[in-house]
Protein backbone atom coordinates (compact mmCIF):
# COMPACT_ATOMS: atom_id res chain seq x y z
CA UNK A 1 99.53 64.62 8.02
CA UNK A 2 96.15 63.97 7.30
CA UNK A 3 95.07 59.78 7.22
CA UNK A 4 93.61 58.37 4.83
CA UNK A 5 89.87 58.35 6.34
CA UNK A 6 90.63 62.51 6.02
CA UNK A 7 91.74 62.59 2.55
CA UNK A 8 89.07 60.55 1.71
CA UNK A 9 86.73 62.79 3.08
CA UNK A 10 85.04 59.73 5.04
CA UNK A 11 83.09 62.12 6.92
CA UNK A 12 80.96 62.55 3.90
CA UNK A 13 81.15 59.59 2.43
CA UNK A 14 79.17 58.61 5.87
CA UNK A 15 76.37 60.89 5.41
CA UNK A 16 75.64 59.17 2.27
CA UNK A 17 73.51 56.54 1.52
CA UNK A 18 74.32 52.93 2.41
CA UNK A 19 72.66 49.75 2.61
CA UNK A 20 73.58 46.92 4.22
CA UNK A 21 72.96 43.70 2.92
CA UNK A 22 73.25 40.50 5.42
CA UNK A 23 74.67 37.16 4.44
CA UNK A 24 72.92 36.17 1.45
CA UNK A 25 73.64 32.43 -0.66
CA UNK A 26 74.32 32.52 -4.34
CA UNK A 27 75.96 30.39 -7.08
CA UNK A 28 79.18 32.14 -8.50
CA UNK A 29 77.85 33.75 -11.14
CA UNK A 30 74.76 35.58 -9.08
CA UNK A 31 77.40 36.69 -7.03
CA UNK A 32 79.62 38.04 -9.20
CA UNK A 33 76.69 39.99 -11.29
CA UNK A 34 75.66 41.24 -7.83
CA UNK A 35 78.81 43.21 -7.69
CA UNK A 36 78.80 45.37 -11.23
CA UNK A 37 74.70 45.53 -10.99
CA UNK A 38 75.48 47.49 -7.82
CA UNK A 39 78.06 49.45 -9.17
CA UNK A 40 75.30 50.76 -11.58
CA UNK A 41 73.04 51.20 -8.80
CA UNK A 42 75.79 53.53 -6.78
CA UNK A 43 75.93 55.49 -9.89
CA UNK A 44 72.99 55.88 -11.18
CA UNK A 45 70.39 55.22 -7.99
CA UNK A 46 73.15 57.32 -5.00
CA UNK A 47 72.95 54.24 -3.22
CA UNK A 48 75.93 52.39 -1.69
CA UNK A 49 76.30 48.65 -0.92
CA UNK A 50 78.39 46.84 1.78
CA UNK A 51 76.90 42.97 1.67
CA UNK A 52 78.09 39.74 2.93
CA UNK A 53 77.88 36.70 1.46
CA UNK A 54 78.08 32.70 0.60
CA UNK A 55 78.59 30.78 -2.43
CA UNK A 56 76.27 27.81 -3.04
CA UNK A 57 77.22 25.71 -4.50
CA UNK A 58 81.23 25.62 -3.49
CA UNK A 59 82.99 27.50 -5.78
CA UNK A 60 85.90 28.53 -7.59
CA UNK A 61 86.49 31.81 -9.07
CA UNK A 62 88.88 32.26 -11.35
CA UNK A 63 90.94 35.69 -11.57
CA UNK A 64 90.69 37.72 -14.41
CA UNK A 65 93.63 37.03 -16.07
CA UNK A 66 93.73 33.12 -15.09
CA UNK A 67 94.58 30.54 -17.56
CA UNK A 68 91.57 27.78 -17.71
CA UNK A 69 94.02 24.88 -18.20
CA UNK A 70 95.37 26.15 -14.41
CA UNK A 71 92.21 24.40 -13.33
CA UNK A 72 91.13 20.79 -12.82
CA UNK A 73 87.94 20.87 -14.85
CA UNK A 74 87.06 17.17 -14.00
CA UNK A 75 87.60 17.22 -10.10
CA UNK A 76 85.54 20.35 -10.15
CA UNK A 77 82.78 18.59 -12.07
CA UNK A 78 83.13 15.14 -10.03
CA UNK A 79 82.87 17.53 -6.79
CA UNK A 80 80.13 19.61 -7.64
CA UNK A 81 82.11 22.41 -7.57
CA UNK A 82 80.75 25.87 -9.39
CA UNK A 83 83.14 27.82 -11.62
CA UNK A 84 83.13 31.26 -12.59
CA UNK A 85 85.45 34.38 -13.38
CA UNK A 86 85.87 37.44 -11.48
CA UNK A 87 86.56 40.83 -12.90
CA UNK A 88 89.47 41.40 -10.34
CA UNK A 89 92.64 39.79 -11.02
CA UNK A 90 94.87 37.56 -9.18
CA UNK A 91 94.56 33.75 -8.17
CA UNK A 92 91.65 31.65 -8.46
CA UNK A 93 89.83 31.18 -5.20
CA UNK A 94 88.02 28.11 -4.00
CA UNK A 95 85.13 29.51 -1.87
CA UNK A 96 83.50 26.57 0.49
CA UNK A 97 80.12 26.68 0.97
CA UNK A 98 80.52 26.59 4.50
CA UNK A 99 84.62 27.60 4.62
CA UNK A 100 84.55 30.91 2.93
CA UNK A 101 83.01 34.29 4.19
CA UNK A 102 83.03 36.69 1.24
CA UNK A 103 82.50 40.58 1.57
CA UNK A 104 81.87 43.06 -0.90
CA UNK A 105 81.80 47.00 -0.55
CA UNK A 106 80.57 49.50 -4.13
CA UNK A 107 80.74 53.27 -4.42
CA UNK A 108 81.27 55.87 -6.19
CA UNK A 109 84.81 56.06 -7.37
CA UNK A 110 84.89 60.27 -6.71
CA UNK A 111 84.12 59.20 -3.27
CA UNK A 112 87.50 57.05 -2.61
CA UNK A 113 90.95 58.07 -2.53
CA UNK A 114 92.60 57.78 -6.30
CA UNK A 115 95.45 56.45 -4.56
CA UNK A 116 95.05 52.42 -4.94
CA UNK A 117 97.16 51.82 -1.59
CA UNK A 118 95.15 54.32 0.05
CA UNK A 119 92.12 52.71 -1.03
CA UNK A 120 92.50 49.10 0.00
CA UNK A 121 93.56 51.11 3.46
CA UNK A 122 90.18 52.35 3.57
CA UNK A 123 88.03 49.90 2.63
CA UNK A 124 89.30 47.03 4.47
CA UNK A 125 89.07 49.29 7.35
CA UNK A 126 86.26 47.44 8.47
CA UNK A 127 87.07 43.95 7.67
CA UNK A 128 90.48 44.09 9.71
CA UNK A 129 88.12 45.28 12.41
CA UNK A 130 85.77 42.57 12.37
CA UNK A 131 88.28 39.84 12.31
CA UNK A 132 90.46 41.89 15.39
CA UNK A 133 86.89 42.01 17.19
CA UNK A 134 86.36 38.62 17.55
CA UNK A 135 90.03 37.40 18.52
CA UNK A 136 92.38 37.44 15.71
CA UNK A 137 95.79 39.32 15.79
CA UNK A 138 95.07 40.51 11.96
CA UNK A 139 96.87 43.42 9.70
CA UNK A 140 97.90 43.64 5.91
CA UNK A 141 101.48 41.25 5.65
CA UNK A 142 104.12 43.34 6.53
CA UNK A 143 106.29 42.13 3.65
CA UNK A 144 105.84 40.24 0.58
CA UNK A 145 106.13 35.94 0.66
CA UNK A 146 107.01 34.34 -2.12
CA UNK A 147 104.65 32.09 -4.39
CA UNK A 148 104.10 28.16 -4.18
CA UNK A 149 101.40 27.95 -6.17
CA UNK A 150 100.56 31.17 -8.32
CA UNK A 151 97.18 30.24 -9.69
CA UNK A 152 95.74 29.92 -6.44
CA UNK A 153 94.96 33.21 -4.47
CA UNK A 154 95.50 31.84 -1.23
CA UNK A 155 99.01 30.37 -2.60
CA UNK A 156 100.44 32.83 -4.80
CA UNK A 157 102.47 35.25 -3.61
CA UNK A 158 101.59 37.86 -1.06
CA UNK A 159 101.70 41.23 -1.20
CA UNK A 160 101.58 43.94 1.63
CA UNK A 161 98.80 46.23 -0.39
CA UNK A 162 95.75 43.86 0.04
CA UNK A 163 96.53 40.55 1.73
CA UNK A 164 95.64 39.98 5.57
CA UNK A 165 97.46 37.73 7.54
CA UNK A 166 96.76 36.11 11.06
CA UNK A 167 99.73 36.47 13.25
CA UNK A 168 101.26 34.06 15.80
CA UNK A 169 104.39 35.56 17.15
CA UNK A 170 107.54 36.45 16.33
CA UNK A 171 110.28 34.24 14.74
CA UNK A 172 112.62 31.80 16.24
CA UNK A 173 115.85 34.21 16.67
CA UNK A 174 114.52 37.17 15.46
CA UNK A 175 114.66 40.86 16.10
CA UNK A 176 111.27 41.61 17.54
CA UNK A 177 109.78 42.58 14.16
CA UNK A 178 109.80 39.29 12.94
CA UNK A 179 106.45 38.34 13.46
CA UNK A 180 105.16 34.72 12.29
CA UNK A 181 101.99 34.99 10.12
CA UNK A 182 99.80 33.02 7.59
CA UNK A 183 97.29 34.13 5.12
CA UNK A 184 93.86 35.10 6.67
CA UNK A 185 91.97 37.17 3.41
CA UNK A 186 92.50 38.21 0.51
CA UNK A 187 91.02 41.35 -1.06
CA UNK A 188 90.76 42.76 -4.89
CA UNK A 189 89.29 45.82 -6.38
CA UNK A 190 87.94 46.72 -9.93
CA UNK A 191 86.47 50.43 -11.42
CA UNK A 192 83.30 49.69 -13.19
CA UNK A 193 80.37 52.53 -14.14
CA UNK A 194 82.38 55.27 -12.51
CA UNK A 195 82.30 53.72 -9.01
CA UNK A 196 84.76 51.39 -7.14
CA UNK A 197 84.32 47.37 -6.07
CA UNK A 198 86.14 46.01 -3.29
CA UNK A 199 85.30 42.61 -2.73
CA UNK A 200 87.17 39.90 -0.44
CA UNK A 201 87.26 36.11 0.95
CA UNK A 202 88.25 35.44 4.29
CA UNK A 203 88.99 32.03 5.27
CA UNK A 204 86.76 30.75 8.37
CA UNK A 205 87.82 27.50 8.25
CA UNK A 206 89.52 24.72 6.35
CA UNK A 207 88.56 22.87 3.38
CA UNK A 208 91.93 22.22 2.19
CA UNK A 209 90.92 19.12 0.04
CA UNK A 210 88.97 20.81 -2.03
CA UNK A 211 91.20 24.16 -2.04
CA UNK A 212 93.79 21.89 -3.53
CA UNK A 213 91.78 19.88 -5.69
CA UNK A 214 90.24 22.36 -7.88
CA UNK A 215 93.36 22.99 -9.01
CA UNK A 216 95.27 21.28 -11.76
CA UNK A 217 99.17 20.48 -12.08
CA UNK A 218 100.68 21.34 -8.74
CA UNK A 219 102.43 19.73 -5.96
CA UNK A 220 101.51 21.01 -2.64
CA UNK A 221 100.65 19.30 -0.40
CA UNK A 222 97.85 19.41 2.62
CA UNK A 223 100.42 20.75 5.18
CA UNK A 224 102.32 22.93 3.21
CA UNK A 225 99.17 24.36 2.42
CA UNK A 226 98.16 24.42 6.15
CA UNK A 227 101.49 26.64 6.67
CA UNK A 228 100.39 29.19 4.69
CA UNK A 229 97.08 29.08 5.37
CA UNK A 230 95.24 29.34 8.61
CA UNK A 231 91.59 30.73 9.23
CA UNK A 232 89.12 32.37 11.98
CA UNK A 233 87.69 29.17 13.61
CA UNK A 234 91.45 27.85 14.06
CA UNK A 235 92.87 31.31 15.49
CA UNK A 236 89.79 32.19 17.74
CA UNK A 237 87.59 28.98 17.79
CA UNK A 238 84.15 31.31 17.60
CA UNK A 239 81.54 29.78 15.63
CA UNK A 240 80.41 30.97 12.08
CA UNK A 241 77.33 32.66 12.92
CA UNK A 242 79.05 34.80 15.67
CA UNK A 243 82.07 35.88 12.35
CA UNK A 244 79.61 36.69 9.48
CA UNK A 245 77.05 38.55 12.36
CA UNK A 246 80.49 40.68 13.27
CA UNK A 247 81.30 41.42 9.97
CA UNK A 248 78.10 42.39 9.24
CA UNK A 249 77.90 45.01 12.02
CA UNK A 250 81.29 46.43 11.05
CA UNK A 251 80.74 47.00 7.52
CA UNK A 252 77.72 48.84 8.44
CA UNK A 253 78.83 50.49 11.49
CA UNK A 254 82.05 51.85 8.92
CA UNK A 255 79.55 53.65 7.12
CA UNK A 256 76.18 53.81 8.99
CA UNK A 257 74.46 52.00 6.95
CA UNK A 258 70.86 51.05 7.08
CA UNK A 259 69.63 47.38 6.31
CA UNK A 260 68.74 46.98 3.13
CA UNK A 261 67.82 44.46 -0.21
CA UNK A 262 68.09 43.49 -3.80
CA UNK A 263 65.27 45.37 -6.03
CA UNK A 264 63.71 43.79 -8.53
CA UNK A 265 65.38 45.54 -11.18
CA UNK A 266 68.74 44.59 -9.51
CA UNK A 267 67.63 40.81 -9.27
CA UNK A 268 66.82 40.93 -13.31
CA UNK A 269 69.66 42.54 -14.33
CA UNK A 270 71.62 40.19 -12.03
CA UNK A 271 70.39 37.53 -13.88
CA UNK A 272 70.80 38.65 -17.28
CA UNK A 273 74.58 39.18 -16.41
CA UNK A 274 75.10 35.83 -15.41
CA UNK A 275 73.13 34.30 -18.36
CA UNK A 276 75.42 36.82 -21.04
CA UNK A 277 78.15 36.74 -18.91
CA UNK A 278 79.28 35.32 -15.73
CA UNK A 279 78.43 31.66 -16.35
CA UNK A 280 79.14 31.70 -19.97
CA UNK A 281 81.96 29.96 -21.45
CA UNK A 282 83.16 32.39 -23.29
CA UNK A 283 84.11 34.51 -20.04
CA UNK A 284 84.72 31.26 -17.90
CA UNK A 285 86.64 29.10 -19.62
CA UNK A 286 87.52 30.43 -23.26
CA UNK A 287 88.31 34.48 -21.95
CA UNK A 288 91.64 35.06 -23.24
CA UNK A 289 93.89 35.47 -20.87
CA UNK A 290 96.33 37.47 -22.16
CA UNK A 291 94.30 40.22 -22.68
């Protein structure tokens, strides 16, 4: 039986032109705009992108259908937390400027598996390899977990298709197949301009107070948060730069990418998208969550 890479024609994918963009810092709206611009570049200019990035200032990225009243806007304003909205669904993610490490993979849709599960498996391969390379026993969730707070990506129900857990042993009294895992990474995809955009958040460290503070109307305690969520640093003790370098290198090796950067045209297009969409209240606060 053919594996995911063979079914996707990964050999030809790796033969295509890929660029890797090392970690850059942008505000939330710009990060989301650059993903969309990279999709245009993949289709129109035949250049695919893998990248690592951080969010400065720290940012809450709302899910596509997330209700605005699930956000504590007063807390975000007081603490200087930026807010934008993603194209992808799921819960909101607090991207701490230090504790979060994010990545994107963007390529033409015709070069990737049409089956969503296969596509996640393929595109998460270098991400899992990077996490494991620094000493974390990470894998897709082996089962579903109930939601603790649905508006939060890291606290909502865990799904084996796209949620990555770090495993730390077996459940007491289990049968050997029941392992203890806590969430380490959330990943999501959307398709636009005939391209697939996958982006993900990896918990490098805990920023529990702000992670809980950006969400309104919940009673989740810091202790409950830590029972559900872990981090690369907690699991492996590596410094942030070491992990960021590992993620960049595994992404680049996976698709044989060469170092690249954004063109002036891409930066201008991203700036326009920021102004028109990702920083606009019509998209962030006022978007109809039912649509």
